[in-house]
Amino acid sequence: MVRRSSSFNTDRIEHLYCDPHEPEAWLFLHYGDLVDGTGLREILTRVGPNEVYNLGAQSHVKVSFDQPVYTVQTDALGTINLLEAIRDTGLPVRFYQASSSEMYGKVVEKPQSEKTPFYPRSPYACAKVYSFWQTVNYRESYGMFACNGILFNHESPRRGETFVTRKITRAATRIKEGLQNKLYLGNLDSMRDWGFAGDYVEAMWLMLQQEKPDDYVVATGETHSVQEFLGEVFEYLDLDWKQYVEVDPRYFRPAEVDFLLGNPSKAKRILKWEPKVTFKALAQMMTESDWKLARREKILAAHAAE
């Protein structure tokens, strides 16, 4: 499901999509919006899915401070719209809710597990806490197969360029190719549990293949600072990040989340899930992908200048 837009916003699935008229087509897009409950019901009735993964959200934490109402409309009310649509249609749908490690916020214990109390520190995190408990409530009240995946930071070359990891790899590779001079970031000391999105999607799928619905933390069990990620990326490019990176206070959050570290033992035990891509390999994977983009950008710039 994608939101209607006058410009295409499907870049990250172009490799999967083909014209629906083609006989080999298997991916079909439907226009929809999480704030439109009626539209969600119509899509569910028309498609009749076995599984629904709610990944729709305004997911940028800093933007949620700038757009708190919109964030809550999509991230909180959007979830209950979808849960209600599933309940009203009566379809035997297995539902996955994308919960977030940001819900732990100002952490009360280390590492964070399924039993760790939430302490959200942003409009985004507050909205995700609401959605988490509504998912639990619909599971317990209506017998729905509804799961929360409390995913810690999951990255890949498809990550949006405004998120810190991709912002770093995109800028570093452009600096390497002489297309950019500086990279401006916020808190370099923030600690995060970073994993590979591909590994985490497998965990999401596994949750809906179980006999009983439940909630799971999905994480690597390791934590690294933004500065460490910077070091990995710039070292891979044979650059010294200290020569190119400056801290800009405008990128600080009004309320910081300083430390996140997940305990994935339940997912490992029940789902038989294991993260496969290491922190170092993830940084290199993203750097290599963006380096290709930077080289292509440099070639295009050279042609344009001729």
Protein backbone atom coordinates (compact mmCIF):
# COMPACT_ATOMS: atom_id res chain seq x y z
CA MET A 1 0.00 0.00 0.00
CA VAL A 2 1.34 3.46 -0.92
CA ARG A 3 0.01 6.97 -0.31
CA ARG A 4 -1.20 8.91 -3.33
CA SER A 5 1.34 11.46 -4.49
CA SER A 6 1.77 13.60 -7.60
CA SER A 7 5.37 12.38 -7.74
CA PHE A 8 6.42 8.75 -7.53
CA ASN A 9 7.62 7.64 -4.10
CA THR A 10 8.36 4.01 -4.89
CA ASP A 11 12.10 4.22 -5.60
CA ARG A 12 13.02 1.63 -2.98
CA ILE A 13 10.82 -1.06 -4.53
CA GLU A 14 11.57 -0.40 -8.20
CA HIS A 15 13.69 -3.56 -8.32
CA LEU A 16 10.62 -5.60 -7.31
CA TYR A 17 7.96 -3.91 -9.37
CA CYS A 18 6.90 -4.59 -12.95
CA ASP A 19 3.87 -3.62 -15.00
CA PRO A 20 0.81 -5.42 -13.54
CA HIS A 21 -0.19 -6.39 -17.09
CA GLU A 22 2.89 -8.57 -17.42
CA PRO A 23 2.30 -12.29 -16.73
CA GLU A 24 5.24 -12.45 -14.31
CA ALA A 25 3.87 -9.61 -12.14
CA TRP A 26 3.47 -10.59 -8.48
CA LEU A 27 3.65 -7.27 -6.63
CA PHE A 28 0.53 -5.09 -6.83
CA LEU A 29 0.27 -1.62 -5.28
CA HIS A 30 -2.90 -0.13 -3.82
CA TYR A 31 -3.38 3.51 -2.91
CA GLY A 32 -4.17 3.99 0.73
CA ASP A 33 -3.57 6.15 3.77
CA LEU A 34 -3.41 5.10 7.42
CA VAL A 35 -5.59 8.03 8.45
CA ASP A 36 -8.38 6.79 6.15
CA GLY A 37 -10.06 3.90 7.97
CA THR A 38 -12.72 3.41 5.28
CA GLY A 39 -10.09 3.13 2.59
CA LEU A 40 -8.19 0.55 4.64
CA ARG A 41 -11.33 -1.58 4.96
CA GLU A 42 -11.86 -1.43 1.20
CA ILE A 43 -8.29 -2.56 0.51
CA LEU A 44 -8.53 -5.43 3.00
CA THR A 45 -11.84 -6.59 1.53
CA ARG A 46 -10.52 -6.42 -2.02
CA VAL A 47 -7.17 -8.10 -1.34
CA GLY A 48 -8.13 -10.57 1.41
CA PRO A 49 -4.59 -10.86 2.84
CA ASN A 50 -3.37 -13.56 5.20
CA GLU A 51 -0.75 -11.29 6.77
CA VAL A 52 -0.58 -7.52 7.29
CA TYR A 53 2.66 -5.74 8.22
CA ASN A 54 2.10 -2.20 9.47
CA LEU A 55 5.34 -0.42 8.60
CA GLY A 56 3.62 2.85 7.72
CA ALA A 57 4.67 5.82 9.83
CA GLN A 58 6.27 9.23 9.99
CA SER A 59 9.41 7.57 11.29
CA HIS A 60 11.94 10.38 11.67
CA VAL A 61 12.34 11.22 15.37
CA LYS A 62 13.59 14.78 14.86
CA VAL A 63 10.77 15.53 12.40
CA SER A 64 8.26 14.29 14.98
CA PHE A 65 9.19 17.26 17.19
CA ASP A 66 8.50 19.59 14.25
CA GLN A 67 5.32 17.77 13.15
CA PRO A 68 3.91 16.17 16.33
CA VAL A 69 0.23 16.15 15.35
CA TYR A 70 0.83 14.60 11.94
CA THR A 71 3.16 12.06 13.52
CA VAL A 72 0.50 10.99 16.01
CA GLN A 73 -2.19 10.85 13.31
CA THR A 74 -0.17 8.42 11.22
CA ASP A 75 1.81 6.50 13.82
CA ALA A 76 -0.83 6.14 16.54
CA LEU A 77 -4.30 6.69 15.08
CA GLY A 78 -3.18 5.03 11.84
CA THR A 79 -2.49 1.82 13.74
CA ILE A 80 -5.89 1.71 15.41
CA ASN A 81 -7.54 2.47 12.06
CA LEU A 82 -5.83 -0.59 10.63
CA LEU A 83 -6.62 -2.78 13.63
CA GLU A 84 -10.28 -1.73 13.47
CA ALA A 85 -10.40 -2.37 9.74
CA ILE A 86 -9.10 -5.91 10.29
CA ARG A 87 -11.57 -6.51 13.11
CA ASP A 88 -14.53 -5.13 11.14
CA THR A 89 -13.83 -7.19 8.04
CA GLY A 90 -13.55 -10.36 10.13
CA LEU A 91 -10.68 -11.61 7.99
CA PRO A 92 -8.36 -14.17 9.66
CA VAL A 93 -5.40 -11.83 9.28
CA ARG A 94 -2.12 -12.16 11.12
CA PHE A 95 -1.01 -8.63 12.03
CA TYR A 96 2.48 -7.27 12.61
CA GLN A 97 2.99 -3.89 14.27
CA ALA A 98 6.33 -2.14 13.80
CA SER A 99 7.18 -1.05 17.30
CA SER A 100 10.43 0.78 18.03
CA SER A 101 13.34 0.79 20.45
CA GLU A 102 12.69 4.55 20.75
CA MET A 103 9.83 3.58 23.09
CA TYR A 104 12.44 2.83 25.77
CA GLY A 105 13.74 6.40 25.48
CA LYS A 106 15.31 7.35 28.81
CA VAL A 107 16.15 3.74 29.57
CA VAL A 108 15.46 2.35 33.03
CA GLU A 109 17.54 -0.81 32.55
CA LYS A 110 20.30 -2.15 30.31
CA PRO A 111 19.87 -4.07 28.07
CA GLN A 112 16.22 -3.54 27.13
CA SER A 113 13.93 -6.56 26.86
CA GLU A 114 10.22 -7.19 26.32
CA LYS A 115 9.69 -6.57 30.05
CA THR A 116 11.56 -3.24 30.23
CA PRO A 117 9.20 -0.31 31.02
CA PHE A 118 8.82 2.30 28.28
CA TYR A 119 9.96 5.89 28.79
CA PRO A 120 9.35 7.64 25.43
CA ARG A 121 11.22 10.87 24.71
CA SER A 122 9.65 12.13 21.46
CA PRO A 123 6.23 12.48 19.82
CA TYR A 124 7.26 9.57 17.57
CA ALA A 125 8.09 7.33 20.52
CA CYS A 126 4.89 8.29 22.38
CA ALA A 127 2.82 7.42 19.31
CA LYS A 128 4.61 4.08 19.01
CA VAL A 129 3.87 3.27 22.67
CA TYR A 130 0.19 3.91 22.00
CA SER A 131 0.27 1.58 19.01
CA PHE A 132 2.12 -1.09 20.98
CA TRP A 133 -0.55 -1.25 23.68
CA GLN A 134 -3.42 -1.08 21.19
CA THR A 135 -1.92 -4.09 19.43
CA VAL A 136 -1.74 -5.96 22.74
CA ASN A 137 -5.29 -4.84 23.57
CA TYR A 138 -6.74 -6.11 20.28
CA ARG A 139 -4.92 -9.39 20.73
CA GLU A 140 -6.29 -9.90 24.23
CA SER A 141 -9.75 -8.41 23.68
CA TYR A 142 -10.66 -9.86 20.30
CA GLY A 143 -8.38 -12.87 19.96
CA MET A 144 -6.56 -11.34 17.00
CA PHE A 145 -3.23 -12.77 15.94
CA ALA A 146 -1.37 -9.51 16.54
CA CYS A 147 2.35 -9.16 17.26
CA ASN A 148 4.66 -6.29 18.15
CA GLY A 149 8.20 -6.37 16.85
CA ILE A 150 10.26 -4.02 19.01
CA LEU A 151 12.97 -3.45 16.45
CA PHE A 152 16.15 -1.63 17.33
CA ASN A 153 17.83 0.47 14.64
CA HIS A 154 17.87 -1.48 11.39
CA GLU A 155 19.82 -0.07 8.47
CA SER A 156 20.60 -0.86 4.84
CA PRO A 157 21.58 0.91 1.61
CA ARG A 158 17.86 1.68 1.19
CA ARG A 159 17.74 3.77 4.36
CA GLY A 160 16.44 7.31 3.89
CA GLU A 161 19.18 9.90 3.47
CA THR A 162 18.02 12.01 6.43
CA PHE A 163 18.69 9.18 8.92
CA VAL A 164 22.10 9.40 10.55
CA THR A 165 23.72 6.23 9.18
CA ARG A 166 22.77 6.94 5.58
CA LYS A 167 23.53 10.63 6.04
CA ILE A 168 27.05 9.59 7.03
CA THR A 169 27.66 7.10 4.21
CA ARG A 170 26.18 9.40 1.59
CA ALA A 171 28.25 12.40 2.71
CA ALA A 172 31.48 10.45 3.27
CA THR A 173 31.45 8.96 -0.21
CA ARG A 174 30.65 12.34 -1.78
CA ILE A 175 33.55 13.82 0.18
CA LYS A 176 35.79 11.03 -1.11
CA GLU A 177 34.83 11.89 -4.69
CA GLY A 178 35.29 15.64 -4.18
CA LEU A 179 31.57 16.43 -4.40
CA GLN A 180 31.14 17.66 -0.81
CA ASN A 181 33.34 19.37 1.77
CA LYS A 182 31.66 18.97 5.15
CA LEU A 183 29.22 16.79 7.06
CA TYR A 184 27.16 18.34 9.86
CA LEU A 185 25.76 16.09 12.60
CA GLY A 186 24.20 16.29 16.04
CA ASN A 187 25.07 14.19 19.10
CA LEU A 188 28.04 11.98 18.22
CA ASP A 189 27.92 10.20 21.59
CA SER A 190 24.47 8.64 21.14
CA MET A 191 24.68 4.86 21.50
CA ARG A 192 22.55 2.61 19.30
CA ASP A 193 22.06 -1.10 18.65
CA TRP A 194 22.45 -1.18 14.86
CA GLY A 195 21.54 -4.19 12.72
CA PHE A 196 20.86 -5.05 9.09
CA ALA A 197 17.28 -4.46 7.90
CA GLY A 198 17.30 -7.67 5.87
CA ASP A 199 17.97 -9.73 9.00
CA TYR A 200 15.22 -7.91 10.87
CA VAL A 201 12.60 -8.45 8.16
CA GLU A 202 13.21 -12.18 8.55
CA ALA A 203 12.41 -11.84 12.26
CA MET A 204 9.21 -9.94 11.42
CA TRP A 205 8.08 -12.75 9.14
CA LEU A 206 8.97 -15.42 11.69
CA MET A 207 6.73 -13.77 14.29
CA LEU A 208 3.69 -14.33 12.09
CA GLN A 209 4.59 -17.97 11.45
CA GLN A 210 4.34 -18.96 15.12
CA GLU A 211 1.49 -20.88 16.69
CA LYS A 212 0.69 -18.08 19.13
CA PRO A 213 1.07 -14.29 18.76
CA ASP A 214 3.54 -12.51 21.03
CA ASP A 215 5.87 -9.52 21.25
CA TYR A 216 9.60 -9.70 20.55
CA VAL A 217 12.68 -7.50 20.81
CA VAL A 218 14.79 -7.71 17.65
CA ALA A 219 18.34 -6.47 18.11
CA THR A 220 21.99 -7.47 17.82
CA GLY A 221 22.82 -7.20 21.52
CA GLU A 222 25.66 -4.77 20.74
CA THR A 223 25.71 -1.00 21.04
CA HIS A 224 27.89 1.51 19.18
CA SER A 225 28.11 5.28 19.12
CA VAL A 226 27.50 7.54 16.15
CA GLN A 227 31.19 8.37 16.36
CA GLU A 228 32.06 4.67 15.99
CA PHE A 229 29.91 4.44 12.87
CA LEU A 230 31.67 7.53 11.52
CA GLY A 231 35.02 5.87 12.20
CA GLU A 232 34.10 2.68 10.36
CA VAL A 233 32.83 4.52 7.28
CA PHE A 234 35.62 7.06 6.93
CA GLU A 235 38.31 4.47 7.67
CA TYR A 236 36.92 2.27 4.90
CA LEU A 237 37.32 5.25 2.55
CA ASP A 238 40.83 5.97 3.93
CA LEU A 239 39.71 9.32 5.34
CA ASP A 240 39.94 10.95 8.78
CA TRP A 241 36.41 11.90 9.79
CA LYS A 242 37.66 14.59 12.19
CA GLN A 243 38.79 16.67 9.21
CA TYR A 244 35.33 16.75 7.66
CA VAL A 245 32.68 16.44 10.39
CA GLU A 246 31.30 19.30 12.44
CA VAL A 247 28.69 19.22 15.21
CA ASP A 248 25.69 21.47 14.62
CA PRO A 249 23.41 22.02 17.66
CA ARG A 250 20.38 22.39 15.37
CA TYR A 251 20.45 18.60 14.97
CA PHE A 252 20.15 17.95 18.71
CA ARG A 253 16.78 16.65 19.88
CA PRO A 254 14.80 18.60 22.50
CA ALA A 255 14.94 15.39 24.58
CA GLU A 256 17.83 13.05 23.79
CA VAL A 257 17.88 9.26 23.85
CA ASP A 258 21.46 8.53 24.83
CA PHE A 259 21.69 4.74 25.04
CA LEU A 260 19.84 1.84 23.43
CA LEU A 261 20.87 -1.81 23.68
CA GLY A 262 18.45 -4.64 22.94
CA ASN A 263 18.22 -8.09 24.50
CA PRO A 264 17.12 -10.41 21.65
CA SER A 265 17.27 -13.63 23.71
CA LYS A 266 13.52 -14.30 23.40
CA ALA A 267 13.60 -13.95 19.60
CA LYS A 268 16.63 -16.22 19.44
CA ARG A 269 15.01 -18.83 21.68
CA ILE A 270 11.50 -18.94 20.24
CA LEU A 271 11.91 -17.71 16.66
CA LYS A 272 15.31 -19.39 16.22
CA TRP A 273 16.46 -16.06 14.81
CA GLU A 274 20.03 -14.78 14.65
CA PRO A 275 21.41 -11.54 13.18
CA LYS A 276 23.85 -12.38 10.40
CA VAL A 277 25.40 -9.04 9.36
CA THR A 278 27.90 -7.49 11.79
CA PHE A 279 28.18 -3.80 12.62
CA LYS A 280 31.39 -3.48 10.59
CA ALA A 281 29.97 -5.36 7.60
CA LEU A 282 26.83 -3.19 7.71
CA ALA A 283 28.87 0.03 7.63
CA GLN A 284 30.91 -1.29 4.70
CA MET A 285 27.83 -2.49 2.82
CA MET A 286 26.19 0.93 3.05
CA THR A 287 29.43 2.72 2.18
CA GLU A 288 30.01 0.61 -0.92
CA SER A 289 26.47 1.23 -2.15
CA ASP A 290 26.71 5.00 -1.68
CA TRP A 291 30.20 5.08 -3.16
CA LYS A 292 28.72 3.74 -6.39
CA LEU A 293 26.14 6.53 -6.29
CA ALA A 294 28.84 9.15 -5.67
CA ARG A 295 30.96 7.90 -8.59
CA ARG A 296 27.93 7.98 -10.86
CA GLU A 297 27.08 11.48 -9.65
CA LYS A 298 30.64 12.61 -10.38
CA ILE A 299 30.49 11.25 -13.92
CA LEU A 300 27.16 12.97 -14.56
CA ALA A 301 28.51 16.25 -13.18
CA ALA A 302 31.53 15.98 -15.47
CA HIS A 303 29.33 15.38 -18.51
CA ALA A 304 27.10 18.32 -17.58
CA ALA A 305 30.14 20.59 -17.37
CA GLU A 306 31.34 19.69 -20.88
